[in-house]
Amino acid sequence: MERSINETLLLRFLDKETTPEENESILRWVSDSEDNRTEFQRLHQAHHLSKLRSLKADIDVDEAWEKLNTILPKVRTRKNLINLDILWKVAASVLLVVAGGISSLWISGYFSDLQKSAIVELKASKGEKSQAILADGSHVWLNSQTVLKYDALNPRKVSMEGEAFFDIKKDRDHPFEVSTTSGMKVIVTGTKFNLRSFADDPFIETTLEEGEVLIEGVNNLQLAQLEPGQQAQYKTGENKASVRNVSTELYSLWKNNELRFTDISFADLIPRIERWYGVTITSNSKQTNSDRFTMTIKTESLRELLNMMQLTSKFNYEIKGEQVKINF
């Protein structure tokens, strides 16, 4: 490993003038020792503090550097010549994501042809959960098979498919909007809520823990305004929502690696098991299982879970890698 590095090279990096090969060299040097990290932090803070403040966020440099080599290549451009300021705003938002301490998170981005947007896409893979810090300082947890997109130049408007828990940074002058593929939107200024919007679910669920949220349907139709402890169920295709009181903590347990179900059908449980464990479940029978389950999943393996289900339901199963076959 390198024991020293030219300070001019570090300053060139901070001025965004280094090549990919030079970036790799710097990455190796920073990873080599705690003294190197401290020296880089000193230069980084002195050179870029004002620019980082303009992005309204703090970067964890140590963790960012550990992930930098795998992230920067995923940012691709649609034109050969791009605005470097836009490029580094995207890179900065990605570094913030890395600093969030993620478990498994795919990051990609692209620029519009007119360079008026810089889209960042965050994706939690099947069977994985992730967390990220968005460019505006908001914290978001992504459940398995969730995709979240936002413009690094306008980070208070995001789109999402899947399930996520949001802890939104307060900014009353700039409401935070989450759009779903159904056309439903959640609008907040600063709050904590869980949003579940999978394509194969009949309802979109918004569960509020703190603050308040506004639910809008298609054509900006205001459907509900939630208070803490309430959940809105939006029925896809009908452009209407119903509100009920719930124990909100039950709907965000997943971000702490825990799931709890109460009186759930076999059919509704299967897709959640698939996402949780990253498997595909099939059956060679057309028989409908009418059993219902109440359970909590924490550290149980897939085999342990299926064995638990067999205590109250009559079926056999076979596991081959990521493929699971169930026979009734």
Protein backbone atom coordinates (compact mmCIF):
# COMPACT_ATOMS: atom_id res chain seq x y z
CA MET A 1 0.00 0.00 0.00
CA GLU A 2 1.07 3.60 -0.57
CA ARG A 3 2.49 5.35 2.51
CA SER A 4 2.53 8.88 1.08
CA ILE A 5 0.78 10.84 -1.59
CA ASN A 6 1.33 14.09 -3.39
CA GLU A 7 -0.79 16.81 -1.77
CA THR A 8 -1.15 18.46 -5.16
CA LEU A 9 -2.92 15.30 -6.39
CA LEU A 10 -5.40 15.52 -3.51
CA LEU A 11 -6.07 19.19 -4.26
CA ARG A 12 -6.59 18.33 -7.93
CA PHE A 13 -9.15 15.75 -6.85
CA LEU A 14 -10.96 18.31 -4.71
CA ASP A 15 -10.97 20.57 -7.76
CA LYS A 16 -12.53 17.69 -9.76
CA GLU A 17 -9.58 17.39 -12.12
CA THR A 18 -8.38 13.84 -11.50
CA THR A 19 -8.69 10.83 -13.81
CA PRO A 20 -10.35 7.52 -12.86
CA GLU A 21 -6.88 5.99 -12.44
CA GLU A 22 -5.85 8.79 -10.08
CA ASN A 23 -9.10 8.33 -8.13
CA GLU A 24 -8.20 4.66 -7.59
CA SER A 25 -4.75 5.66 -6.35
CA ILE A 26 -6.26 8.13 -3.88
CA LEU A 27 -8.79 5.52 -2.72
CA ARG A 28 -6.01 3.05 -1.93
CA TRP A 29 -4.04 5.72 -0.06
CA VAL A 30 -7.02 6.85 2.05
CA SER A 31 -7.82 3.23 2.94
CA ASP A 32 -4.24 2.51 3.97
CA SER A 33 -4.22 4.10 7.44
CA GLU A 34 -6.09 6.25 9.94
CA ASP A 35 -3.47 9.00 9.53
CA ASN A 36 -4.19 9.13 5.80
CA ARG A 37 -7.92 9.42 6.49
CA THR A 38 -7.28 12.24 8.96
CA GLU A 39 -5.09 14.11 6.47
CA PHE A 40 -7.67 13.74 3.73
CA GLN A 41 -10.44 14.93 6.06
CA ARG A 42 -8.39 18.03 6.90
CA LEU A 43 -7.94 18.93 3.24
CA HIS A 44 -11.49 17.99 2.38
CA GLN A 45 -13.02 20.13 5.12
CA ALA A 46 -10.84 23.14 4.38
CA HIS A 47 -11.45 23.01 0.63
CA HIS A 48 -15.09 21.98 0.31
CA LEU A 49 -16.93 22.99 3.48
CA SER A 50 -18.77 25.89 1.88
CA LYS A 51 -19.83 23.80 -1.10
CA LEU A 52 -21.08 20.97 1.07
CA ARG A 53 -23.13 23.40 3.12
CA SER A 54 -24.76 24.63 -0.06
CA LEU A 55 -26.03 21.07 -0.56
CA LYS A 56 -27.56 21.16 2.96
CA ALA A 57 -25.97 17.91 4.02
CA ASP A 58 -22.98 16.34 5.76
CA ILE A 59 -20.81 13.68 4.16
CA ASP A 60 -19.23 10.84 6.12
CA VAL A 61 -15.92 10.86 4.26
CA ASP A 62 -14.60 7.59 5.71
CA GLU A 63 -17.52 5.46 4.53
CA ALA A 64 -17.92 7.41 1.32
CA TRP A 65 -14.38 6.59 0.27
CA GLU A 66 -14.80 2.91 1.06
CA LYS A 67 -17.67 2.73 -1.45
CA LEU A 68 -16.56 5.33 -4.02
CA ASN A 69 -14.86 2.91 -6.39
CA THR A 70 -18.04 0.86 -6.87
CA ILE A 71 -20.40 3.80 -7.22
CA LEU A 72 -18.87 6.36 -9.55
CA PRO A 73 -18.82 4.01 -12.60
CA LYS A 74 -22.61 3.58 -12.34
CA VAL A 75 -23.23 7.25 -13.19
CA ARG A 76 -23.59 7.32 -16.94
CA THR A 77 -24.15 10.20 -19.35
CA ARG A 78 -26.24 10.55 -22.46
CA LYS A 79 -23.93 13.10 -24.04
CA ASN A 80 -20.16 13.17 -24.37
CA LEU A 81 -19.94 16.72 -23.03
CA ILE A 82 -21.69 17.44 -19.73
CA ASN A 83 -21.74 20.15 -17.14
CA LEU A 84 -19.20 19.17 -14.45
CA ASP A 85 -21.10 21.06 -11.75
CA ILE A 86 -24.14 18.84 -12.40
CA LEU A 87 -21.95 15.73 -12.44
CA TRP A 88 -20.50 16.51 -9.03
CA LYS A 89 -23.89 17.33 -7.56
CA VAL A 90 -24.96 13.82 -8.54
CA ALA A 91 -21.71 12.40 -7.13
CA ALA A 92 -22.25 14.35 -3.90
CA SER A 93 -25.78 12.99 -3.49
CA VAL A 94 -24.46 9.48 -4.09
CA LEU A 95 -21.76 9.97 -1.46
CA LEU A 96 -24.42 11.00 0.98
CA VAL A 97 -26.20 7.75 0.22
CA VAL A 98 -23.05 5.78 0.93
CA ALA A 99 -22.59 7.58 4.23
CA GLY A 100 -25.98 6.31 5.36
CA GLY A 101 -24.61 2.83 6.13
CA ILE A 102 -26.39 0.73 3.53
CA SER A 103 -26.65 -3.04 3.39
CA SER A 104 -27.29 -3.57 -0.30
CA LEU A 105 -28.06 -0.62 -2.55
CA TRP A 106 -27.70 -0.22 -6.31
CA ILE A 107 -27.13 3.37 -7.41
CA SER A 108 -27.32 4.66 -10.95
CA GLY A 109 -27.87 8.00 -12.63
CA TYR A 110 -28.16 9.77 -15.92
CA PHE A 111 -28.30 13.28 -17.32
CA SER A 112 -31.00 14.71 -19.54
CA ASP A 113 -29.98 15.80 -23.00
CA LEU A 114 -30.48 19.43 -22.03
CA GLN A 115 -28.60 18.99 -18.73
CA LYS A 116 -31.53 20.37 -16.77
CA SER A 117 -31.86 17.30 -14.58
CA ALA A 118 -29.59 14.71 -13.01
CA ILE A 119 -31.59 11.63 -12.05
CA VAL A 120 -30.35 9.39 -9.26
CA GLU A 121 -31.91 5.94 -8.84
CA LEU A 122 -31.64 3.93 -5.62
CA LYS A 123 -32.63 0.27 -5.63
CA ALA A 124 -32.76 -2.34 -2.87
CA SER A 125 -32.27 -5.79 -4.35
CA LYS A 126 -34.56 -8.76 -3.77
CA GLY A 127 -34.08 -10.12 -0.28
CA GLU A 128 -32.15 -7.02 0.88
CA LYS A 129 -32.97 -3.85 2.80
CA SER A 130 -31.11 -0.56 2.58
CA GLN A 131 -30.98 2.93 3.99
CA ALA A 132 -29.80 6.20 2.50
CA ILE A 133 -29.42 9.91 3.14
CA LEU A 134 -30.96 11.92 0.30
CA ALA A 135 -29.38 15.08 -1.06
CA ASP A 136 -31.66 17.31 1.08
CA GLY A 137 -30.70 15.52 4.32
CA SER A 138 -33.83 13.33 4.55
CA HIS A 139 -33.32 9.74 5.72
CA VAL A 140 -35.00 6.87 3.88
CA TRP A 141 -35.05 3.11 4.44
CA LEU A 142 -35.77 0.90 1.40
CA ASN A 143 -37.39 -2.50 1.74
CA SER A 144 -36.63 -5.39 -0.60
CA GLN A 145 -37.36 -4.79 -4.32
CA THR A 146 -37.87 -1.06 -3.87
CA VAL A 147 -36.81 1.60 -6.37
CA LEU A 148 -36.61 5.31 -5.49
CA LYS A 149 -35.72 8.03 -8.00
CA TYR A 150 -35.07 11.73 -7.58
CA ASP A 151 -33.44 14.63 -9.38
CA ALA A 152 -30.22 15.70 -7.65
CA LEU A 153 -31.09 19.25 -8.74
CA ASN A 154 -34.56 18.99 -7.16
CA PRO A 155 -34.26 16.42 -4.35
CA ARG A 156 -37.54 17.24 -2.56
CA LYS A 157 -39.57 15.42 -5.24
CA VAL A 158 -39.08 11.67 -5.49
CA SER A 159 -40.88 8.74 -7.08
CA MET A 160 -41.05 5.30 -5.51
CA GLU A 161 -42.23 1.77 -6.20
CA GLY A 162 -42.02 -0.75 -3.36
CA GLU A 163 -41.90 0.05 0.34
CA ALA A 164 -39.93 2.72 2.19
CA PHE A 165 -39.84 4.48 5.52
CA PHE A 166 -39.19 8.22 5.32
CA ASP A 167 -37.77 10.56 7.96
CA ILE A 168 -38.10 13.87 6.14
CA LYS A 169 -35.99 16.90 6.95
CA LYS A 170 -38.25 19.82 7.84
CA ASP A 171 -38.57 22.57 5.24
CA ARG A 172 -41.95 24.29 5.23
CA ASP A 173 -41.03 26.41 2.21
CA HIS A 174 -40.26 23.32 0.11
CA PRO A 175 -42.72 20.44 0.68
CA PHE A 176 -41.40 16.92 0.11
CA GLU A 177 -43.41 14.90 -2.44
CA VAL A 178 -43.42 11.15 -3.01
CA SER A 179 -45.15 10.02 -6.22
CA THR A 180 -46.30 6.45 -6.90
CA THR A 181 -46.94 4.75 -10.24
CA SER A 182 -50.69 4.84 -9.53
CA GLY A 183 -50.70 8.66 -9.57
CA MET A 184 -51.15 8.95 -5.80
CA LYS A 185 -48.84 11.40 -4.00
CA VAL A 186 -47.79 11.89 -0.40
CA ILE A 187 -46.91 15.51 0.45
CA VAL A 188 -45.11 16.49 3.67
CA THR A 189 -42.96 19.27 5.09
CA GLY A 190 -41.17 17.21 7.74
CA THR A 191 -42.39 13.97 9.26
CA LYS A 192 -41.94 10.20 9.64
CA PHE A 193 -44.09 7.78 7.67
CA ASN A 194 -44.09 4.37 6.00
CA LEU A 195 -45.25 4.03 2.39
CA ARG A 196 -46.05 0.67 0.79
CA SER A 197 -46.76 0.71 -2.96
CA PHE A 198 -46.00 -2.57 -4.74
CA ALA A 199 -47.45 -3.12 -8.21
CA ASP A 200 -49.12 -6.42 -7.23
CA ASP A 201 -50.83 -5.04 -4.10
CA PRO A 202 -54.48 -3.88 -4.36
CA PHE A 203 -53.88 -1.02 -1.90
CA ILE A 204 -51.23 1.62 -1.34
CA GLU A 205 -50.68 2.10 2.38
CA THR A 206 -49.40 5.31 3.99
CA THR A 207 -48.83 4.98 7.74
CA LEU A 208 -47.95 8.12 9.72
CA GLU A 209 -45.77 8.03 12.85
CA GLU A 210 -44.99 11.73 13.38
CA GLY A 211 -46.06 15.06 11.87
CA GLU A 212 -48.74 15.20 9.20
CA VAL A 213 -49.09 14.15 5.57
CA LEU A 214 -51.43 15.06 2.77
CA ILE A 215 -52.64 12.31 0.41
CA GLU A 216 -53.41 13.40 -3.15
CA GLY A 217 -54.92 11.25 -5.87
CA VAL A 218 -54.96 11.56 -9.64
CA ASN A 219 -55.34 15.14 -10.93
CA ASN A 220 -54.13 16.50 -7.54
CA LEU A 221 -57.39 15.54 -5.85
CA GLN A 222 -56.98 15.90 -2.08
CA LEU A 223 -58.09 12.62 -0.50
CA ALA A 224 -56.93 12.67 3.13
CA GLN A 225 -54.85 14.48 5.71
CA LEU A 226 -53.35 12.09 8.25
CA GLU A 227 -52.53 12.58 11.91
CA PRO A 228 -50.00 10.44 13.81
CA GLY A 229 -51.36 6.94 14.40
CA GLN A 230 -53.41 6.91 11.21
CA GLN A 231 -53.09 4.93 8.00
CA ALA A 232 -54.55 5.76 4.58
CA GLN A 233 -55.39 2.93 2.19
CA TYR A 234 -55.57 4.09 -1.41
CA LYS A 235 -57.32 1.67 -3.74
CA THR A 236 -55.50 1.65 -7.06
CA GLY A 237 -57.73 2.63 -9.97
CA GLU A 238 -60.55 4.13 -7.87
CA ASN A 239 -58.83 7.38 -6.85
CA LYS A 240 -60.12 7.31 -3.30
CA ALA A 241 -58.68 6.60 0.12
CA SER A 242 -59.97 5.32 3.46
CA VAL A 243 -58.40 6.25 6.79
CA ARG A 244 -58.12 4.12 9.92
CA ASN A 245 -56.28 4.15 13.26
CA VAL A 246 -53.45 1.61 13.54
CA SER A 247 -50.44 0.68 15.67
CA THR A 248 -47.94 2.43 13.41
CA GLU A 249 -44.88 0.62 14.76
CA LEU A 250 -46.14 -2.65 13.28
CA TYR A 251 -45.81 -1.25 9.75
CA SER A 252 -42.19 -0.13 10.08
CA LEU A 253 -40.74 -3.10 11.98
CA TRP A 254 -39.26 -4.36 8.71
CA LYS A 255 -36.56 -1.66 8.75
CA ASN A 256 -35.27 -3.21 12.00
CA ASN A 257 -35.25 -6.68 10.40
CA GLU A 258 -38.55 -7.76 11.90
CA LEU A 259 -41.92 -8.55 10.32
CA ARG A 260 -45.20 -9.12 12.12
CA PHE A 261 -48.41 -10.39 10.54
CA THR A 262 -51.88 -10.69 12.02
CA ASP A 263 -54.53 -12.92 10.43
CA ILE A 264 -52.92 -12.81 6.98
CA SER A 265 -53.92 -15.21 4.21
CA PHE A 266 -51.54 -17.70 2.62
CA ALA A 267 -51.84 -15.89 -0.72
CA ASP A 268 -50.98 -12.49 0.80
CA LEU A 269 -48.12 -13.94 2.85
CA ILE A 270 -46.29 -15.60 -0.07
CA PRO A 271 -45.13 -12.39 -1.90
CA ARG A 272 -43.90 -10.94 1.39
CA ILE A 273 -41.88 -14.08 2.09
CA GLU A 274 -40.43 -13.88 -1.43
CA ARG A 275 -39.25 -10.29 -0.90
CA TRP A 276 -38.00 -10.92 2.64
CA TYR A 277 -35.86 -13.93 1.74
CA GLY A 278 -35.10 -13.14 -1.90
CA VAL A 279 -36.72 -16.30 -3.29
CA THR A 280 -39.37 -17.29 -5.84
CA ILE A 281 -42.22 -19.50 -4.61
CA THR A 282 -44.29 -21.66 -6.98
CA SER A 283 -46.91 -24.37 -6.52
CA ASN A 284 -47.85 -27.34 -8.69
CA SER A 285 -51.40 -27.26 -7.40
CA LYS A 286 -54.37 -25.08 -8.29
CA GLN A 287 -55.83 -25.66 -4.86
CA THR A 288 -56.45 -22.49 -2.85
CA ASN A 289 -55.16 -22.54 0.72
CA SER A 290 -57.64 -20.79 3.02
CA ASP A 291 -55.43 -20.91 6.13
CA ARG A 292 -54.52 -17.67 7.87
CA PHE A 293 -51.42 -16.84 9.86
CA THR A 294 -50.38 -14.65 12.78
CA MET A 295 -46.62 -14.60 13.27
CA THR A 296 -43.47 -12.58 13.86
CA ILE A 297 -40.36 -13.06 11.73
CA LYS A 298 -37.01 -11.96 13.16
CA THR A 299 -33.94 -14.13 12.62
CA GLU A 300 -35.70 -17.27 11.41
CA SER A 301 -34.37 -18.91 8.27
CA LEU A 302 -36.74 -19.61 5.39
CA ARG A 303 -36.79 -23.31 6.31
CA GLU A 304 -37.61 -22.48 9.94
CA LEU A 305 -40.44 -20.20 8.84
CA LEU A 306 -41.98 -22.82 6.54
CA ASN A 307 -41.72 -25.42 9.29
CA MET A 308 -43.60 -23.04 11.61
CA MET A 309 -46.31 -22.58 9.00
CA GLN A 310 -46.67 -26.35 8.64
CA LEU A 311 -47.80 -26.54 12.26
CA THR A 312 -51.15 -25.01 11.29
CA SER A 313 -51.32 -25.60 7.53
CA LYS A 314 -51.09 -28.81 5.51
CA PHE A 315 -48.47 -28.50 2.76
CA ASN A 316 -45.05 -29.77 1.75
CA TYR A 317 -42.17 -27.72 0.38
CA GLU A 318 -38.89 -28.13 -1.47
CA ILE A 319 -36.07 -25.55 -1.49
CA LYS A 320 -33.50 -25.48 -4.31
CA GLY A 321 -31.35 -22.37 -4.09
CA GLU A 322 -33.64 -19.37 -4.65
CA GLN A 323 -36.50 -21.55 -5.94
CA VAL A 324 -39.15 -22.84 -3.53
CA LYS A 325 -41.92 -25.26 -4.55
CA ILE A 326 -44.96 -25.70 -2.33
CA ASN A 327 -47.36 -28.63 -2.70
CA PHE A 328 -50.74 -28.64 -0.98
